[in-house]
Structure formats: C-alpha cells, structure tokens
C-alpha cells in the first residue's frame, strides 16, 4: 500500500467546547481541510518520533564507542 492510498477512519476526540464546535462546522463545510489538518498533525508526530528514536540510538552508540579509562 502506498503512502497516498487512503481509507476512511472514525475518530472520537475530546476537545474544548468552542474548538469542538469549530471542528464540527469545518467537518460539515470543508471536510478535506479537516483531513489535511489531521494528516499534517500525524505526519509531524511521526517525524518527531522518528527523529527522537534516531537521536536516542545515536546517543547510545556514542556511549558504547566512548573510550574507557585505563586504571
């Protein structure tokens, strides 16, 4: 499955009332925009997680490669 093949999902989220009202309005008037907002947020989260995991992996390799003191 390519990254751009899509499927429909149902989400239930808890939002402050005023934001929830805006989300419901956007869902009715411009559902594509709401889809793009969710896609953007989840993409950012995915990139952040990947970079954090890579950074942790690099840090653990640096610790393993650090020279040991000889006594």
N, C-alpha and C. Protein backbone atom coordinates (compact mmCIF):
# COMPACT_ATOMS: atom_id res chain seq x y z
N UNK A 1 0.85 -1.19 0.00
CA UNK A 1 0.00 0.00 0.00
C UNK A 1 0.89 1.24 0.00
N UNK A 2 0.67 2.13 -0.93
CA UNK A 2 1.49 3.34 -0.98
C UNK A 2 1.01 4.32 0.09
N UNK A 3 1.88 5.28 0.39
CA UNK A 3 1.56 6.26 1.43
C UNK A 3 0.33 7.09 1.07
N UNK A 4 0.04 7.23 -0.22
CA UNK A 4 -1.04 8.12 -0.62
C UNK A 4 -2.36 7.40 -0.88
N UNK A 5 -2.38 6.07 -0.74
CA UNK A 5 -3.67 5.38 -0.78
C UNK A 5 -4.38 5.71 0.52
N UNK A 6 -5.64 6.03 0.42
CA UNK A 6 -6.36 6.48 1.61
C UNK A 6 -7.46 5.51 2.00
N UNK A 7 -7.88 5.63 3.24
CA UNK A 7 -9.05 4.90 3.73
C UNK A 7 -9.73 5.78 4.77
N UNK A 8 -10.96 5.53 4.99
CA UNK A 8 -11.75 6.32 5.93
C UNK A 8 -11.56 5.78 7.35
N UNK A 9 -11.45 6.69 8.31
CA UNK A 9 -11.36 6.31 9.72
C UNK A 9 -12.33 7.17 10.52
N UNK A 10 -12.79 6.63 11.61
CA UNK A 10 -13.65 7.37 12.53
C UNK A 10 -12.83 7.71 13.77
N UNK A 11 -12.82 8.97 14.14
CA UNK A 11 -12.08 9.42 15.31
C UNK A 11 -13.04 10.01 16.33
N UNK A 12 -12.80 9.70 17.58
CA UNK A 12 -13.51 10.35 18.67
C UNK A 12 -12.47 11.06 19.52
N UNK A 13 -12.58 12.37 19.62
CA UNK A 13 -11.63 13.14 20.40
C UNK A 13 -12.38 14.06 21.35
N UNK A 14 -11.73 14.37 22.46
CA UNK A 14 -12.31 15.30 23.42
C UNK A 14 -11.62 16.64 23.23
N UNK A 15 -12.42 17.65 22.94
CA UNK A 15 -11.91 19.00 22.69
C UNK A 15 -12.67 19.99 23.55
N UNK A 16 -12.06 21.14 23.83
CA UNK A 16 -12.84 22.21 24.48
C UNK A 16 -14.05 22.53 23.61
N UNK A 17 -15.14 22.92 24.25
CA UNK A 17 -16.41 23.11 23.54
C UNK A 17 -16.30 24.03 22.32
N UNK A 18 -15.60 25.16 22.48
CA UNK A 18 -15.53 26.10 21.35
C UNK A 18 -14.74 25.50 20.19
N UNK A 19 -13.68 24.77 20.48
CA UNK A 19 -12.90 24.11 19.42
C UNK A 19 -13.72 22.99 18.80
N UNK A 20 -14.46 22.26 19.63
CA UNK A 20 -15.31 21.17 19.11
C UNK A 20 -16.35 21.73 18.15
N UNK A 21 -16.93 22.87 18.50
CA UNK A 21 -17.93 23.48 17.61
C UNK A 21 -17.29 23.87 16.28
N UNK A 22 -16.08 24.41 16.34
CA UNK A 22 -15.38 24.77 15.10
C UNK A 22 -15.07 23.52 14.27
N UNK A 23 -14.63 22.46 14.94
CA UNK A 23 -14.30 21.22 14.24
C UNK A 23 -15.55 20.65 13.56
N UNK A 24 -16.69 20.68 14.25
CA UNK A 24 -17.93 20.17 13.65
C UNK A 24 -18.33 21.02 12.44
N UNK A 25 -18.16 22.32 12.55
CA UNK A 25 -18.50 23.21 11.43
C UNK A 25 -17.60 22.94 10.24
N UNK A 26 -16.30 22.81 10.49
CA UNK A 26 -15.35 22.53 9.40
C UNK A 26 -15.65 21.16 8.79
N UNK A 27 -16.01 20.19 9.62
CA UNK A 27 -16.32 18.86 9.10
C UNK A 27 -17.50 18.92 8.13
N UNK A 28 -18.46 19.80 8.42
CA UNK A 28 -19.62 19.94 7.54
C UNK A 28 -19.29 20.74 6.28
N UNK A 29 -18.52 21.82 6.45
CA UNK A 29 -18.31 22.74 5.33
C UNK A 29 -17.07 22.44 4.49
N UNK A 30 -16.04 21.87 5.10
CA UNK A 30 -14.79 21.63 4.37
C UNK A 30 -14.07 20.40 4.93
N UNK A 31 -14.66 19.22 4.74
CA UNK A 31 -14.07 18.01 5.32
C UNK A 31 -12.65 17.72 4.81
N UNK A 32 -12.34 18.14 3.59
CA UNK A 32 -10.97 17.93 3.08
C UNK A 32 -9.95 18.71 3.90
N UNK A 33 -10.32 19.92 4.31
CA UNK A 33 -9.43 20.71 5.15
C UNK A 33 -9.17 20.00 6.47
N UNK A 34 -10.23 19.49 7.08
CA UNK A 34 -10.07 18.79 8.35
C UNK A 34 -9.19 17.55 8.18
N UNK A 35 -9.35 16.85 7.08
CA UNK A 35 -8.49 15.70 6.80
C UNK A 35 -7.03 16.12 6.67
N UNK A 36 -6.80 17.24 6.00
CA UNK A 36 -5.42 17.73 5.84
C UNK A 36 -4.81 18.15 7.17
N UNK A 37 -5.63 18.74 8.04
CA UNK A 37 -5.14 19.14 9.37
C UNK A 37 -4.72 17.91 10.16
N UNK A 38 -5.54 16.88 10.16
CA UNK A 38 -5.21 15.64 10.87
C UNK A 38 -3.97 15.00 10.25
N UNK A 39 -3.91 14.94 8.93
CA UNK A 39 -2.74 14.37 8.25
C UNK A 39 -1.48 15.14 8.62
N UNK A 40 -1.55 16.46 8.62
CA UNK A 40 -0.41 17.29 8.98
C UNK A 40 0.06 16.98 10.41
N UNK A 41 -0.88 16.95 11.34
CA UNK A 41 -0.53 16.70 12.74
C UNK A 41 0.09 15.33 12.94
N UNK A 42 -0.50 14.32 12.33
CA UNK A 42 0.03 12.97 12.49
C UNK A 42 1.37 12.80 11.78
N UNK A 43 1.56 13.49 10.66
CA UNK A 43 2.85 13.44 9.97
C UNK A 43 3.93 14.08 10.83
N UNK A 44 3.64 15.23 11.41
CA UNK A 44 4.61 15.89 12.31
C UNK A 44 4.96 14.98 13.47
N UNK A 45 3.96 14.32 14.05
CA UNK A 45 4.20 13.42 15.17
C UNK A 45 5.09 12.26 14.75
N UNK A 46 4.83 11.71 13.58
CA UNK A 46 5.62 10.60 13.08
C UNK A 46 7.07 11.02 12.86
N UNK A 47 7.27 12.19 12.26
CA UNK A 47 8.63 12.69 12.04
C UNK A 47 9.33 12.93 13.37
N UNK A 48 8.65 13.55 14.32
CA UNK A 48 9.23 13.82 15.63
C UNK A 48 9.65 12.51 16.30
N UNK A 49 8.78 11.51 16.28
CA UNK A 49 9.11 10.22 16.90
C UNK A 49 10.31 9.58 16.22
N UNK A 50 10.36 9.63 14.90
CA UNK A 50 11.48 9.05 14.16
C UNK A 50 12.79 9.75 14.54
N UNK A 51 12.77 11.09 14.56
CA UNK A 51 13.98 11.83 14.91
C UNK A 51 14.40 11.58 16.35
N UNK A 52 13.45 11.50 17.26
CA UNK A 52 13.77 11.23 18.66
C UNK A 52 14.39 9.84 18.81
N UNK A 53 13.80 8.84 18.15
CA UNK A 53 14.35 7.49 18.21
C UNK A 53 15.74 7.45 17.61
N UNK A 54 15.95 8.15 16.50
CA UNK A 54 17.27 8.19 15.86
C UNK A 54 18.28 8.85 16.79
N UNK A 55 17.88 9.93 17.44
CA UNK A 55 18.76 10.64 18.36
C UNK A 55 19.13 9.75 19.54
N UNK A 56 18.15 9.02 20.09
CA UNK A 56 18.43 8.11 21.20
C UNK A 56 19.37 6.99 20.76
N UNK A 57 19.16 6.48 19.56
CA UNK A 57 20.03 5.43 19.02
C UNK A 57 21.45 5.95 18.85
N UNK A 58 21.59 7.14 18.29
CA UNK A 58 22.92 7.74 18.11
C UNK A 58 23.60 7.98 19.45
N UNK A 59 22.84 8.45 20.45
CA UNK A 59 23.41 8.71 21.77
C UNK A 59 23.89 7.41 22.42
N UNK A 60 23.13 6.33 22.27
CA UNK A 60 23.56 5.06 22.87
C UNK A 60 24.79 4.52 22.15
N UNK A 61 24.91 4.75 20.86
CA UNK A 61 26.11 4.33 20.13
C UNK A 61 27.32 5.15 20.57
N UNK A 62 27.12 6.45 20.83
CA UNK A 62 28.21 7.29 21.31
C UNK A 62 28.72 6.80 22.66
N UNK A 63 27.82 6.39 23.54
CA UNK A 63 28.21 5.88 24.85
C UNK A 63 29.00 4.59 24.70
N UNK A 64 28.56 3.72 23.81
CA UNK A 64 29.25 2.45 23.60
C UNK A 64 30.62 2.66 22.98
N UNK A 65 30.78 3.67 22.15
CA UNK A 65 32.04 3.91 21.46
C UNK A 65 32.99 4.80 22.25
N UNK A 66 32.54 5.36 23.37
CA UNK A 66 33.40 6.25 24.16
C UNK A 66 34.59 5.46 24.69
N UNK A 67 35.79 6.06 24.65
CA UNK A 67 36.97 5.35 25.17
C UNK A 67 36.85 5.12 26.67
N UNK A 68 37.29 3.97 27.10
CA UNK A 68 37.24 3.62 28.51
C UNK A 68 38.54 4.06 29.19
N UNK A 69 38.45 4.58 30.39
CA UNK A 69 39.63 4.98 31.15
C UNK A 69 40.38 3.73 31.60
N UNK A 70 41.68 3.77 31.49
CA UNK A 70 42.52 2.65 31.92
C UNK A 70 43.08 2.97 33.28
N UNK A 71 42.93 2.03 34.23
CA UNK A 71 43.46 2.30 35.57
C UNK A 71 44.65 1.45 35.87
